[in-house]
């Protein structure tokens, strides 16, 4: 009887491990107070971003450079310019967009990063 309970417990534990989601990918926006291009992004892209395919695949996470960096982003260089957008997957940088190129180019650059198949990060 004890062996059956142990096997059942192991099967349940294994099933739970398999059903846990992998660490999610995200689009990290490094910004700071007084950033005019951040204001423009907020007006042109931010209101619709979560409704796009890109926004569903890479939820937007904002990081204020006037505050300490979150511990999980310690290995990611925020860069000197704002905004800087970094695609992060499981704590690893996949690609980045330096600055905000306007609504006409933002999604194209982000799509290029998302479609990249090489191991090297795509940078703009």
PDB file of N, CA and C in Angstrom:
ATOM      1  N   UNK A   1       0.818  -1.189   0.000  1.00  0.00           N
ATOM      2  CA  UNK A   1       0.000   0.000   0.000  1.00  0.00           C
ATOM      3  C   UNK A   1       0.868   1.261   0.000  1.00  0.00           C
ATOM      4  N   UNK A   2       1.931   1.273   0.804  1.00  0.00           N
ATOM      5  CA  UNK A   2       2.806   2.431   0.881  1.00  0.00           C
ATOM      6  C   UNK A   2       3.497   2.671  -0.459  1.00  0.00           C
ATOM      7  N   UNK A   3       3.874   1.615  -1.144  1.00  0.00           N
ATOM      8  CA  UNK A   3       4.515   1.741  -2.445  1.00  0.00           C
ATOM      9  C   UNK A   3       3.563   2.356  -3.465  1.00  0.00           C
ATOM     10  N   UNK A   4       2.291   1.964  -3.416  1.00  0.00           N
ATOM     11  CA  UNK A   4       1.303   2.537  -4.331  1.00  0.00           C
ATOM     12  C   UNK A   4       1.132   4.031  -4.075  1.00  0.00           C
ATOM     13  N   UNK A   5       1.117   4.420  -2.822  1.00  0.00           N
ATOM     14  CA  UNK A   5       0.975   5.839  -2.474  1.00  0.00           C
ATOM     15  C   UNK A   5       2.198   6.615  -2.951  1.00  0.00           C
ATOM     16  N   UNK A   6       3.371   6.041  -2.780  1.00  0.00           N
ATOM     17  CA  UNK A   6       4.595   6.707  -3.223  1.00  0.00           C
ATOM     18  C   UNK A   6       4.600   6.881  -4.742  1.00  0.00           C
ATOM     19  N   UNK A   7       4.171   5.844  -5.473  1.00  0.00           N
ATOM     20  CA  UNK A   7       4.115   5.940  -6.933  1.00  0.00           C
ATOM     21  C   UNK A   7       3.097   6.992  -7.373  1.00  0.00           C
ATOM     22  N   UNK A   8       1.960   7.016  -6.703  1.00  0.00           N
ATOM     23  CA  UNK A   8       0.934   8.000  -7.023  1.00  0.00           C
ATOM     24  C   UNK A   8       1.442   9.418  -6.749  1.00  0.00           C
ATOM     25  N   UNK A   9       2.108   9.601  -5.619  1.00  0.00           N
ATOM     26  CA  UNK A   9       2.651  10.921  -5.277  1.00  0.00           C
ATOM     27  C   UNK A   9       3.688  11.355  -6.307  1.00  0.00           C
ATOM     28  N   UNK A  10       4.530  10.421  -6.743  1.00  0.00           N
ATOM     29  CA  UNK A  10       5.536  10.748  -7.748  1.00  0.00           C
ATOM     30  C   UNK A  10       4.881  11.126  -9.066  1.00  0.00           C
ATOM     31  N   UNK A  11       3.852  10.396  -9.470  1.00  0.00           N
ATOM     32  CA  UNK A  11       3.154  10.686 -10.728  1.00  0.00           C
ATOM     33  C   UNK A  11       2.485  12.054 -10.684  1.00  0.00           C
ATOM     34  N   UNK A  12       1.881  12.387  -9.557  1.00  0.00           N
ATOM     35  CA  UNK A  12       1.243  13.700  -9.415  1.00  0.00           C
ATOM     36  C   UNK A  12       2.298  14.799  -9.469  1.00  0.00           C
ATOM     37  N   UNK A  13       3.409  14.605  -8.762  1.00  0.00           N
ATOM     38  CA  UNK A  13       4.478  15.609  -8.759  1.00  0.00           C
ATOM     39  C   UNK A  13       5.056  15.792 -10.159  1.00  0.00           C
ATOM     40  N   UNK A  14       5.269  14.708 -10.879  1.00  0.00           N
ATOM     41  CA  UNK A  14       5.803  14.799 -12.239  1.00  0.00           C
ATOM     42  C   UNK A  14       4.825  15.526 -13.151  1.00  0.00           C
ATOM     43  N   UNK A  15       3.552  15.227 -13.009  1.00  0.00           N
ATOM     44  CA  UNK A  15       2.535  15.913 -13.812  1.00  0.00           C
ATOM     45  C   UNK A  15       2.495  17.397 -13.531  1.00  0.00           C
ATOM     46  N   UNK A  16       2.640  17.773 -12.271  1.00  0.00           N
ATOM     47  CA  UNK A  16       2.645  19.196 -11.927  1.00  0.00           C
ATOM     48  C   UNK A  16       3.852  19.896 -12.528  1.00  0.00           C
ATOM     49  N   UNK A  17       4.996  19.249 -12.501  1.00  0.00           N
ATOM     50  CA  UNK A  17       6.198  19.861 -13.072  1.00  0.00           C
ATOM     51  C   UNK A  17       6.042  20.070 -14.570  1.00  0.00           C
ATOM     52  N   UNK A  18       5.442  19.108 -15.255  1.00  0.00           N
ATOM     53  CA  UNK A  18       5.262  19.237 -16.692  1.00  0.00           C
ATOM     54  C   UNK A  18       4.253  20.313 -17.048  1.00  0.00           C
ATOM     55  N   UNK A  19       3.324  20.624 -16.156  1.00  0.00           N
ATOM     56  CA  UNK A  19       2.292  21.599 -16.472  1.00  0.00           C
ATOM     57  C   UNK A  19       2.685  23.025 -16.112  1.00  0.00           C
ATOM     58  N   UNK A  20       3.812  23.207 -15.444  1.00  0.00           N
ATOM     59  CA  UNK A  20       4.236  24.557 -15.087  1.00  0.00           C
ATOM     60  C   UNK A  20       4.727  25.290 -16.327  1.00  0.00           C
ATOM     61  N   UNK A  21       4.367  26.571 -16.488  1.00  0.00           N
ATOM     62  CA  UNK A  21       4.819  27.309 -17.659  1.00  0.00           C
ATOM     63  C   UNK A  21       6.312  27.597 -17.594  1.00  0.00           C
ATOM     64  N   UNK A  22       6.927  27.692 -18.760  1.00  0.00           N
ATOM     65  CA  UNK A  22       8.334  28.094 -18.824  1.00  0.00           C
ATOM     66  C   UNK A  22       8.425  29.571 -18.493  1.00  0.00           C
ATOM     67  N   UNK A  23       9.612  30.021 -18.149  1.00  0.00           N
ATOM     68  CA  UNK A  23       9.802  31.443 -17.874  1.00  0.00           C
ATOM     69  C   UNK A  23       9.400  32.235 -19.111  1.00  0.00           C
ATOM     70  N   UNK A  24       8.578  33.235 -18.921  1.00  0.00           N
ATOM     71  CA  UNK A  24       8.006  33.972 -20.039  1.00  0.00           C
ATOM     72  C   UNK A  24       9.001  34.946 -20.644  1.00  0.00           C
ATOM     73  N   UNK A  25       8.838  35.151 -21.938  1.00  0.00           N
ATOM     74  CA  UNK A  25       9.587  36.200 -22.619  1.00  0.00           C
ATOM     75  C   UNK A  25       8.875  37.514 -22.376  1.00  0.00           C
ATOM     76  N   UNK A  26       9.622  38.602 -22.440  1.00  0.00           N
ATOM     77  CA  UNK A  26       9.020  39.916 -22.227  1.00  0.00           C
ATOM     78  C   UNK A  26       9.813  40.973 -22.969  1.00  0.00           C
ATOM     79  N   UNK A  27       9.169  42.109 -23.174  1.00  0.00           N
ATOM     80  CA  UNK A  27       9.826  43.276 -23.739  1.00  0.00           C
ATOM     81  C   UNK A  27      10.022  44.257 -22.601  1.00  0.00           C
ATOM     82  N   UNK A  28      11.268  44.480 -22.237  1.00  0.00           N
ATOM     83  CA  UNK A  28      11.584  45.390 -21.136  1.00  0.00           C
ATOM     84  C   UNK A  28      11.875  46.765 -21.726  1.00  0.00           C
ATOM     85  N   UNK A  29      11.161  47.767 -21.231  1.00  0.00           N
ATOM     86  CA  UNK A  29      11.374  49.153 -21.657  1.00  0.00           C
ATOM     87  C   UNK A  29      12.099  49.879 -20.540  1.00  0.00           C
ATOM     88  N   UNK A  30      13.350  50.243 -20.801  1.00  0.00           N
ATOM     89  CA  UNK A  30      14.102  51.047 -19.843  1.00  0.00           C
ATOM     90  C   UNK A  30      13.793  52.509 -20.148  1.00  0.00           C
ATOM     91  N   UNK A  31      13.304  53.228 -19.139  1.00  0.00           N
ATOM     92  CA  UNK A  31      12.906  54.622 -19.323  1.00  0.00           C
ATOM     93  C   UNK A  31      13.338  55.448 -18.128  1.00  0.00           C
ATOM     94  N   UNK A  32      13.242  56.774 -18.276  1.00  0.00           N
ATOM     95  CA  UNK A  32      13.550  57.671 -17.157  1.00  0.00           C
ATOM     96  C   UNK A  32      12.688  58.910 -17.286  1.00  0.00           C
ATOM     97  N   UNK A  33      12.528  59.592 -16.176  1.00  0.00           N
ATOM     98  CA  UNK A  33      11.737  60.825 -16.144  1.00  0.00           C
ATOM     99  C   UNK A  33      12.347  61.850 -17.094  1.00  0.00           C
ATOM    100  N   UNK A  34      11.502  62.588 -17.785  1.00  0.00           N
ATOM    101  CA  UNK A  34      11.969  63.629 -18.690  1.00  0.00           C
ATOM    102  C   UNK A  34      12.328  63.143 -20.080  1.00  0.00           C
ATOM    103  N   UNK A  35      12.102  61.884 -20.371  1.00  0.00           N
ATOM    104  CA  UNK A  35      12.437  61.304 -21.674  1.00  0.00           C
ATOM    105  C   UNK A  35      11.323  61.624 -22.674  1.00  0.00           C
ATOM    106  N   UNK A  36      11.609  62.519 -23.609  1.00  0.00           N
ATOM    107  CA  UNK A  36      10.620  62.914 -24.604  1.00  0.00           C
ATOM    108  C   UNK A  36      10.209  61.792 -25.533  1.00  0.00           C
ATOM    109  N   UNK A  37      11.160  60.927 -25.901  1.00  0.00           N
ATOM    110  CA  UNK A  37      10.835  59.799 -26.773  1.00  0.00           C
ATOM    111  C   UNK A  37       9.999  58.756 -26.042  1.00  0.00           C
ATOM    112  N   UNK A  38      10.161  58.661 -24.722  1.00  0.00           N
ATOM    113  CA  UNK A  38       9.311  57.772 -23.922  1.00  0.00           C
ATOM    114  C   UNK A  38       7.870  58.283 -23.950  1.00  0.00           C
ATOM    115  N   UNK A  39       7.712  59.599 -23.842  1.00  0.00           N
ATOM    116  CA  UNK A  39       6.379  60.213 -23.901  1.00  0.00           C
ATOM    117  C   UNK A  39       5.730  59.910 -25.247  1.00  0.00           C
ATOM    118  N   UNK A  40       6.508  60.025 -26.303  1.00  0.00           N
ATOM    119  CA  UNK A  40       5.973  59.742 -27.641  1.00  0.00           C
ATOM    120  C   UNK A  40       5.575  58.270 -27.775  1.00  0.00           C
ATOM    121  N   UNK A  41       6.410  57.349 -27.276  1.00  0.00           N
ATOM    122  CA  UNK A  41       6.062  55.925 -27.282  1.00  0.00           C
ATOM    123  C   UNK A  41       4.764  55.711 -26.512  1.00  0.00           C
ATOM    124  N   UNK A  42       4.652  56.348 -25.355  1.00  0.00           N
ATOM    125  CA  UNK A  42       3.449  56.195 -24.529  1.00  0.00           C
ATOM    126  C   UNK A  42       2.199  56.667 -25.257  1.00  0.00           C
ATOM    127  N   UNK A  43       2.331  57.676 -26.096  1.00  0.00           N
ATOM    128  CA  UNK A  43       1.186  58.195 -26.839  1.00  0.00           C
ATOM    129  C   UNK A  43       0.853  57.343 -28.064  1.00  0.00           C
ATOM    130  N   UNK A  44       1.874  56.841 -28.755  1.00  0.00           N
ATOM    131  CA  UNK A  44       1.659  56.171 -30.035  1.00  0.00           C
ATOM    132  C   UNK A  44       1.518  54.654 -29.944  1.00  0.00           C
ATOM    133  N   UNK A  45       2.256  54.019 -29.076  1.00  0.00           N
ATOM    134  CA  UNK A  45       2.315  52.555 -29.051  1.00  0.00           C
ATOM    135  C   UNK A  45       1.704  51.957 -27.788  1.00  0.00           C
ATOM    136  N   UNK A  46       2.014  52.519 -26.645  1.00  0.00           N
ATOM    137  CA  UNK A  46       1.590  51.923 -25.373  1.00  0.00           C
ATOM    138  C   UNK A  46       0.095  51.608 -25.303  1.00  0.00           C
ATOM    139  N   UNK A  47      -0.800  52.480 -25.789  1.00  0.00           N
ATOM    140  CA  UNK A  47      -2.233  52.177 -25.662  1.00  0.00           C
ATOM    141  C   UNK A  47      -2.682  50.934 -26.431  1.00  0.00           C
ATOM    142  N   UNK A  48      -1.971  50.572 -27.491  1.00  0.00           N
ATOM    143  CA  UNK A  48      -2.398  49.432 -28.304  1.00  0.00           C
ATOM    144  C   UNK A  48      -1.498  48.210 -28.163  1.00  0.00           C
ATOM    145  N   UNK A  49      -0.333  48.367 -27.560  1.00  0.00           N
ATOM    146  CA  UNK A  49       0.678  47.311 -27.581  1.00  0.00           C
ATOM    147  C   UNK A  49       0.150  45.975 -27.061  1.00  0.00           C
ATOM    148  N   UNK A  50      -0.514  45.970 -25.935  1.00  0.00           N
ATOM    149  CA  UNK A  50      -0.983  44.709 -25.338  1.00  0.00           C
ATOM    150  C   UNK A  50      -1.999  43.988 -26.220  1.00  0.00           C
ATOM    151  N   UNK A  51      -2.625  44.699 -27.151  1.00  0.00           N
ATOM    152  CA  UNK A  51      -3.639  44.109 -28.030  1.00  0.00           C
ATOM    153  C   UNK A  51      -3.039  43.521 -29.301  1.00  0.00           C
ATOM    154  N   UNK A  52      -1.753  43.724 -29.521  1.00  0.00           N
ATOM    155  CA  UNK A  52      -1.100  43.235 -30.738  1.00  0.00           C
ATOM    156  C   UNK A  52      -0.540  41.833 -30.522  1.00  0.00           C
ATOM    157  N   UNK A  53      -0.219  41.157 -31.623  1.00  0.00           N
ATOM    158  CA  UNK A  53       0.422  39.838 -31.523  1.00  0.00           C
ATOM    159  C   UNK A  53       1.744  39.949 -30.770  1.00  0.00           C
ATOM    160  N   UNK A  54       2.483  41.016 -31.055  1.00  0.00           N
ATOM    161  CA  UNK A  54       3.762  41.225 -30.379  1.00  0.00           C
ATOM    162  C   UNK A  54       3.558  41.415 -28.879  1.00  0.00           C
ATOM    163  N   UNK A  55       2.552  42.177 -28.519  1.00  0.00           N
ATOM    164  CA  UNK A  55       2.265  42.436 -27.110  1.00  0.00           C
ATOM    165  C   UNK A  55       1.817  41.195 -26.360  1.00  0.00           C
ATOM    166  N   UNK A  56       1.101  40.315 -27.054  1.00  0.00           N
ATOM    167  CA  UNK A  56       0.691  39.057 -26.408  1.00  0.00           C
ATOM    168  C   UNK A  56       1.885  38.119 -26.251  1.00  0.00           C
ATOM    169  N   UNK A  57       2.785  38.129 -27.223  1.00  0.00           N
ATOM    170  CA  UNK A  57       3.971  37.263 -27.146  1.00  0.00           C
ATOM    171  C   UNK A  57       5.024  37.817 -26.195  1.00  0.00           C
ATOM    172  N   UNK A  58       5.140  39.150 -26.159  1.00  0.00           N
ATOM    173  CA  UNK A  58       6.162  39.813 -25.343  1.00  0.00           C
ATOM    174  C   UNK A  58       5.506  40.921 -24.521  1.00  0.00           C
ATOM    175  N   UNK A  59       4.925  40.579 -23.391  1.00  0.00           N
ATOM    176  CA  UNK A  59       4.305  41.631 -22.569  1.00  0.00           C
ATOM    177  C   UNK A  59       5.321  42.714 -22.212  1.00  0.00           C
ATOM    178  N   UNK A  60       4.836  43.950 -22.182  1.00  0.00           N
ATOM    179  CA  UNK A  60       5.696  45.097 -21.893  1.00  0.00           C
ATOM    180  C   UNK A  60       5.929  45.214 -20.396  1.00  0.00           C
ATOM    181  N   UNK A  61       7.183  45.333 -20.036  1.00  0.00           N
ATOM    182  CA  UNK A  61       7.578  45.559 -18.643  1.00  0.00           C
ATOM    183  C   UNK A  61       8.401  46.836 -18.609  1.00  0.00           C
ATOM    184  N   UNK A  62       7.993  47.767 -17.785  1.00  0.00           N
ATOM    185  CA  UNK A  62       8.678  49.053 -17.703  1.00  0.00           C
ATOM    186  C   UNK A  62       9.641  49.072 -16.523  1.00  0.00           C
ATOM    187  N   UNK A  63      10.828  49.619 -16.768  1.00  0.00           N
ATOM    188  CA  UNK A  63      11.826  49.744 -15.713  1.00  0.00           C
ATOM    189  C   UNK A  63      12.306  51.192 -15.699  1.00  0.00           C
ATOM    190  N   UNK A  64      12.112  51.857 -14.578  1.00  0.00           N
ATOM    191  CA  UNK A  64      12.526  53.247 -14.393  1.00  0.00           C
ATOM    192  C   UNK A  64      13.998  53.268 -14.003  1.00  0.00           C
ATOM    193  N   UNK A  65      14.821  53.903 -14.825  1.00  0.00           N
ATOM    194  CA  UNK A  65      16.257  53.944 -14.547  1.00  0.00           C
ATOM    195  C   UNK A  65      16.611  54.876 -13.401  1.00  0.00           C
ATOM    196  N   UNK A  66      15.632  55.592 -12.878  1.00  0.00           N
ATOM    197  CA  UNK A  66      15.852  56.415 -11.692  1.00  0.00           C
ATOM    198  C   UNK A  66      15.782  55.601 -10.412  1.00  0.00           C
ATOM    199  N   UNK A  67      15.485  54.332 -10.546  1.00  0.00           N
ATOM    200  CA  UNK A  67      15.394  53.417  -9.401  1.00  0.00           C
ATOM    201  C   UNK A  67      16.377  52.267  -9.611  1.00  0.00           C
ATOM    202  N   UNK A  68      16.690  51.523  -8.556  1.00  0.00           N
ATOM    203  CA  UNK A  68      17.589  50.368  -8.731  1.00  0.00           C
ATOM    204  C   UNK A  68      16.989  49.344  -9.702  1.00  0.00           C
ATOM    205  N   UNK A  69      17.856  48.706 -10.477  1.00  0.00           N
ATOM    206  CA  UNK A  69      17.390  47.673 -11.401  1.00  0.00           C
ATOM    207  C   UNK A  69      16.851  46.481 -10.625  1.00  0.00           C
ATOM    208  N   UNK A  70      15.785  45.859 -11.109  1.00  0.00           N
ATOM    209  CA  UNK A  70      15.302  44.629 -10.474  1.00  0.00           C
ATOM    210  C   UNK A  70      16.380  43.543 -10.525  1.00  0.00           C
ATOM    211  N   UNK A  71      16.413  42.705  -9.528  1.00  0.00           N
ATOM    212  CA  UNK A  71      17.443  41.669  -9.420  1.00  0.00           C
ATOM    213  C   UNK A  71      17.460  40.740 -10.627  1.00  0.00           C
ATOM    214  N   UNK A  72      16.289  40.428 -11.191  1.00  0.00           N
ATOM    215  CA  UNK A  72      16.258  39.495 -12.312  1.00  0.00           C
ATOM    216  C   UNK A  72      16.792  40.103 -13.611  1.00  0.00           C
ATOM    217  N   UNK A  73      17.052  41.411 -13.620  1.00  0.00           N
ATOM    218  CA  UNK A  73      17.615  42.065 -14.804  1.00  0.00           C
ATOM    219  C   UNK A  73      19.065  42.493 -14.589  1.00  0.00           C
ATOM    220  N   UNK A  74      19.688  41.997 -13.550  1.00  0.00           N
ATOM    221  CA  UNK A  74      21.057  42.403 -13.210  1.00  0.00           C
ATOM    222  C   UNK A  74      22.041  42.127 -14.344  1.00  0.00           C
ATOM    223  N   UNK A  75      21.810  41.109 -15.141  1.00  0.00           N
ATOM    224  CA  UNK A  75      22.713  40.772 -16.233  1.00  0.00           C
ATOM    225  C   UNK A  75      22.407  41.487 -17.539  1.00  0.00           C
ATOM    226  N   UNK A  76      21.405  42.351 -17.542  1.00  0.00           N
ATOM    227  CA  UNK A  76      21.001  43.074 -18.748  1.00  0.00           C
ATOM    228  C   UNK A  76      21.470  44.521 -18.643  1.00  0.00           C
ATOM    229  N   UNK A  77      22.243  44.975 -19.619  1.00  0.00           N
ATOM    230  CA  UNK A  77      22.709  46.365 -19.648  1.00  0.00           C
ATOM    231  C   UNK A  77      21.581  47.244 -20.182  1.00  0.00           C
ATOM    232  N   UNK A  78      21.104  48.211 -19.386  1.00  0.00           N
ATOM    233  CA  UNK A  78      20.005  49.053 -19.857  1.00  0.00           C
ATOM    234  C   UNK A  78      20.431  50.053 -20.926  1.00  0.00           C
ATOM    235  N   UNK A  79      21.714  50.265 -21.092  1.00  0.00           N
ATOM    236  CA  UNK A  79      22.196  51.216 -22.083  1.00  0.00           C
ATOM    237  C   UNK A  79      22.135  52.640 -21.565  1.00  0.00           C
ATOM    238  N   UNK A  80      22.674  53.549 -22.353  1.00  0.00           N
ATOM    239  CA  UNK A  80      22.763  54.950 -21.939  1.00  0.00           C
ATOM    240  C   UNK A  80      21.569  55.774 -22.390  1.00  0.00           C
ATOM    241  N   UNK A  81      20.851  55.319 -23.403  1.00  0.00           N
ATOM    242  CA  UNK A  81      19.774  56.108 -23.985  1.00  0.00           C
ATOM    243  C   UNK A  81      18.413  55.552 -23.603  1.00  0.00           C
ATOM    244  N   UNK A  82      17.438  56.444 -23.495  1.00  0.00           N
ATOM    245  CA  UNK A  82      16.071  56.015 -23.233  1.00  0.00           C
ATOM    246  C   UNK A  82      15.157  56.579 -24.306  1.00  0.00           C
ATOM    247  N   UNK A  83      14.144  55.807 -24.650  1.00  0.00           N
ATOM    248  CA  UNK A  83      13.931  54.463 -24.143  1.00  0.00           C
ATOM    249  C   UNK A  83      14.846  53.456 -24.836  1.00  0.00           C
ATOM    250  N   UNK A  84      15.132  52.391 -24.142  1.00  0.00           N
ATOM    251  CA  UNK A  84      15.784  51.231 -24.729  1.00  0.00           C
ATOM    252  C   UNK A  84      14.869  50.054 -24.463  1.00  0.00           C
ATOM    253  N   UNK A  85      14.566  49.304 -25.516  1.00  0.00           N
ATOM    254  CA  UNK A  85      13.681  48.148 -25.423  1.00  0.00           C
ATOM    255  C   UNK A  85      14.529  46.897 -25.569  1.00  0.00           C
ATOM    256  N   UNK A  86      14.405  45.972 -24.618  1.00  0.00           N
ATOM    257  CA  UNK A  86      15.195  44.740 -24.652  1.00  0.00           C
ATOM    258  C   UNK A  86      14.249  43.550 -24.573  1.00  0.00           C
ATOM    259  N   UNK A  87      14.348  42.662 -25.554  1.00  0.00           N
ATOM    260  CA  UNK A  87      13.592  41.416 -25.516  1.00  0.00           C
ATOM    261  C   UNK A  87      14.385  40.456 -24.641  1.00  0.00           C
ATOM    262  N   UNK A  88      13.739  39.981 -23.580  1.00  0.00           N
ATOM    263  CA  UNK A  88      14.386  39.099 -22.608  1.00  0.00           C
ATOM    264  C   UNK A  88      13.622  37.780 -22.573  1.00  0.00           C
ATOM    265  N   UNK A  89      14.356  36.682 -22.648  1.00  0.00           N
ATOM    266  CA  UNK A  89      13.762  35.354 -22.549  1.00  0.00           C
ATOM    267  C   UNK A  89      14.549  34.561 -21.523  1.00  0.00           C
ATOM    268  N   UNK A  90      13.880  34.145 -20.472  1.00  0.00           N
ATOM    269  CA  UNK A  90      14.497  33.378 -19.399  1.00  0.00           C
ATOM    270  C   UNK A  90      15.752  34.067 -18.874  1.00  0.00           C
ATOM    271  N   UNK A  91      15.672  35.381 -18.706  1.00  0.00           N
ATOM    272  CA  UNK A  91      16.772  36.149 -18.148  1.00  0.00           C
ATOM    273  C   UNK A  91      17.892  36.472 -19.112  1.00  0.00           C
ATOM    274  N   UNK A  92      17.736  36.099 -20.374  1.00  0.00           N
ATOM    275  CA  UNK A  92      18.784  36.298 -21.380  1.00  0.00           C
ATOM    276  C   UNK A  92      18.308  37.291 -22.432  1.00  0.00           C
ATOM    277  N   UNK A  93      19.175  38.219 -22.799  1.00  0.00           N
ATOM    278  CA  UNK A  93      18.833  39.187 -23.847  1.00  0.00           C
ATOM    279  C   UNK A  93      18.798  38.507 -25.206  1.00  0.00           C
ATOM    280  N   UNK A  94      17.689  38.735 -25.918  1.00  0.00           N
ATOM    281  CA  UNK A  94      17.526  38.191 -27.262  1.00  0.00           C
ATOM    282  C   UNK A  94      17.812  39.265 -28.307  1.00  0.00           C
ATOM    283  N   UNK A  95      17.457  40.500 -27.998  1.00  0.00           N
ATOM    284  CA  UNK A  95      17.680  41.609 -28.917  1.00  0.00           C
ATOM    285  C   UNK A  95      17.243  42.913 -28.283  1.00  0.00           C
ATOM    286  N   UNK A  96      17.599  44.029 -28.927  1.00  0.00           N
ATOM    287  CA  UNK A  96      17.235  45.329 -28.359  1.00  0.00           C
ATOM    288  C   UNK A  96      16.992  46.355 -29.445  1.00  0.00           C
ATOM    289  N   UNK A  97      16.214  47.354 -29.076  1.00  0.00           N
ATOM    290  CA  UNK A  97      15.967  48.528 -29.909  1.00  0.00           C
ATOM    291  C   UNK A  97      16.403  49.719 -29.078  1.00  0.00           C
ATOM    292  N   UNK A  98      17.383  50.447 -29.576  1.00  0.00           N
ATOM    293  CA  UNK A  98      17.861  51.647 -28.866  1.00  0.00           C
ATOM    294  C   UNK A  98      17.063  52.843 -29.356  1.00  0.00           C
ATOM    295  N   UNK A  99      16.421  53.530 -28.437  1.00  0.00           N
ATOM    296  CA  UNK A  99      15.610  54.680 -28.799  1.00  0.00           C
ATOM    297  C   UNK A  99      14.250  54.241 -29.313  1.00  0.00           C
ATOM    298  N   UNK A 100      13.422  55.215 -29.620  1.00  0.00           N
ATOM    299  CA  UNK A 100      12.107  54.943 -30.187  1.00  0.00           C
ATOM    300  C   UNK A 100      12.087  55.493 -31.602  1.00  0.00           C
ATOM    301  N   UNK A 101      12.010  54.617 -32.615  1.00  0.00           N
ATOM    302  CA  UNK A 101      12.116  55.052 -34.005  1.00  0.00           C
ATOM    303  C   UNK A 101      10.806  55.549 -34.611  1.00  0.00           C
ATOM    304  N   UNK A 102       9.762  55.657 -33.818  1.00  0.00           N
ATOM    305  CA  UNK A 102       8.451  56.047 -34.328  1.00  0.00           C
ATOM    306  C   UNK A 102       7.595  54.826 -34.593  1.00  0.00           C
ATOM    307  N   UNK A 103       6.287  55.049 -34.656  1.00  0.00           N
ATOM    308  CA  UNK A 103       5.369  53.921 -34.794  1.00  0.00           C
ATOM    309  C   UNK A 103       5.538  53.170 -36.112  1.00  0.00           C
ATOM    310  N   UNK A 104       5.985  53.833 -37.154  1.00  0.00           N
ATOM    311  CA  UNK A 104       6.140  53.169 -38.448  1.00  0.00           C
ATOM    312  C   UNK A 104       7.252  52.117 -38.443  1.00  0.00           C
ATOM    313  N   UNK A 105       8.248  52.280 -37.604  1.00  0.00           N
ATOM    314  CA  UNK A 105       9.389  51.362 -37.592  1.00  0.00           C
ATOM    315  C   UNK A 105       9.445  50.451 -36.373  1.00  0.00           C
ATOM    316  N   UNK A 106       8.793  50.834 -35.288  1.00  0.00           N
ATOM    317  CA  UNK A 106       8.913  50.084 -34.040  1.00  0.00           C
ATOM    318  C   UNK A 106       8.538  48.616 -34.223  1.00  0.00           C
ATOM    319  N   UNK A 107       7.352  48.357 -34.789  1.00  0.00           N
ATOM    320  CA  UNK A 107       6.905  46.970 -34.916  1.00  0.00           C
ATOM    321  C   UNK A 107       7.752  46.185 -35.913  1.00  0.00           C
ATOM    322  N   UNK A 108       8.276  46.842 -36.934  1.00  0.00           N
ATOM    323  CA  UNK A 108       9.169  46.159 -37.870  1.00  0.00           C
ATOM    324  C   UNK A 108      10.457  45.712 -37.206  1.00  0.00           C
ATOM    325  N   UNK A 109      11.040  46.591 -36.408  1.00  0.00           N
ATOM    326  CA  UNK A 109      12.270  46.232 -35.694  1.00  0.00           C
ATOM    327  C   UNK A 109      12.010  45.140 -34.662  1.00  0.00           C
ATOM    328  N   UNK A 110      10.888  45.248 -33.971  1.00  0.00           N
ATOM    329  CA  UNK A 110      10.553  44.226 -32.979  1.00  0.00           C
ATOM    330  C   UNK A 110      10.297  42.886 -33.661  1.00  0.00           C
ATOM    331  N   UNK A 111       9.625  42.907 -34.796  1.00  0.00           N
ATOM    332  CA  UNK A 111       9.386  41.676 -35.550  1.00  0.00           C
ATOM    333  C   UNK A 111      10.675  41.031 -36.017  1.00  0.00           C
ATOM    334  N   UNK A 112      11.632  41.849 -36.411  1.00  0.00           N
ATOM    335  CA  UNK A 112      12.938  41.319 -36.829  1.00  0.00           C
ATOM    336  C   UNK A 112      13.615  40.578 -35.680  1.00  0.00           C
ATOM    337  N   UNK A 113      13.524  41.147 -34.491  1.00  0.00           N
ATOM    338  CA  UNK A 113      14.107  40.484 -33.319  1.00  0.00           C
ATOM    339  C   UNK A 113      13.379  39.175 -33.045  1.00  0.00           C
ATOM    340  N   UNK A 114      12.054  39.219 -33.110  1.00  0.00           N
ATOM    341  CA  UNK A 114      11.260  38.027 -32.816  1.00  0.00           C
ATOM    342  C   UNK A 114      11.523  36.907 -33.817  1.00  0.00           C
ATOM    343  N   UNK A 115      11.811  37.261 -35.056  1.00  0.00           N
ATOM    344  CA  UNK A 115      12.026  36.258 -36.103  1.00  0.00           C
ATOM    345  C   UNK A 115      13.468  35.800 -36.240  1.00  0.00           C
ATOM    346  N   UNK A 116      14.368  36.450 -35.515  1.00  0.00           N
ATOM    347  CA  UNK A 116      15.785  36.089 -35.617  1.00  0.00           C
ATOM    348  C   UNK A 116      15.990  34.648 -35.168  1.00  0.00           C
ATOM    349  N   UNK A 117      16.774  33.930 -35.911  1.00  0.00           N
ATOM    350  CA  UNK A 117      17.037  32.533 -35.556  1.00  0.00           C
ATOM    351  C   UNK A 117      18.465  32.306 -35.098  1.00  0.00           C
ATOM    352  N   UNK A 118      19.312  33.301 -35.283  1.00  0.00           N
ATOM    353  CA  UNK A 118      20.703  33.115 -34.869  1.00  0.00           C
ATOM    354  C   UNK A 118      20.823  33.261 -33.364  1.00  0.00           C
ATOM    355  N   UNK A 119      21.926  32.776 -32.809  1.00  0.00           N
ATOM    356  CA  UNK A 119      22.150  32.876 -31.373  1.00  0.00           C
ATOM    357  C   UNK A 119      22.579  34.256 -30.923  1.00  0.00           C
ATOM    358  N   UNK A 120      23.037  35.090 -31.847  1.00  0.00           N
ATOM    359  CA  UNK A 120      23.501  36.431 -31.478  1.00  0.00           C
ATOM    360  C   UNK A 120      22.319  37.379 -31.373  1.00  0.00           C
ATOM    361  N   UNK A 121      22.304  38.242 -30.361  1.00  0.00           N
ATOM    362  CA  UNK A 121      21.207  39.194 -30.237  1.00  0.00           C
ATOM    363  C   UNK A 121      21.164  40.148 -31.428  1.00  0.00           C
ATOM    364  N   UNK A 122      19.945  40.433 -31.894  1.00  0.00           N
ATOM    365  CA  UNK A 122      19.762  41.435 -32.943  1.00  0.00           C
ATOM    366  C   UNK A 122      19.733  42.798 -32.284  1.00  0.00           C
ATOM    367  N   UNK A 123      20.439  43.752 -32.852  1.00  0.00           N
ATOM    368  CA  UNK A 123      20.488  45.099 -32.270  1.00  0.00           C
ATOM    369  C   UNK A 123      20.166  46.115 -33.346  1.00  0.00           C
ATOM    370  N   UNK A 124      19.544  47.202 -32.910  1.00  0.00           N
ATOM    371  CA  UNK A 124      19.257  48.283 -33.857  1.00  0.00           C
ATOM    372  C   UNK A 124      20.006  49.528 -33.449  1.00  0.00           C
TER     373      UNK A 124
END
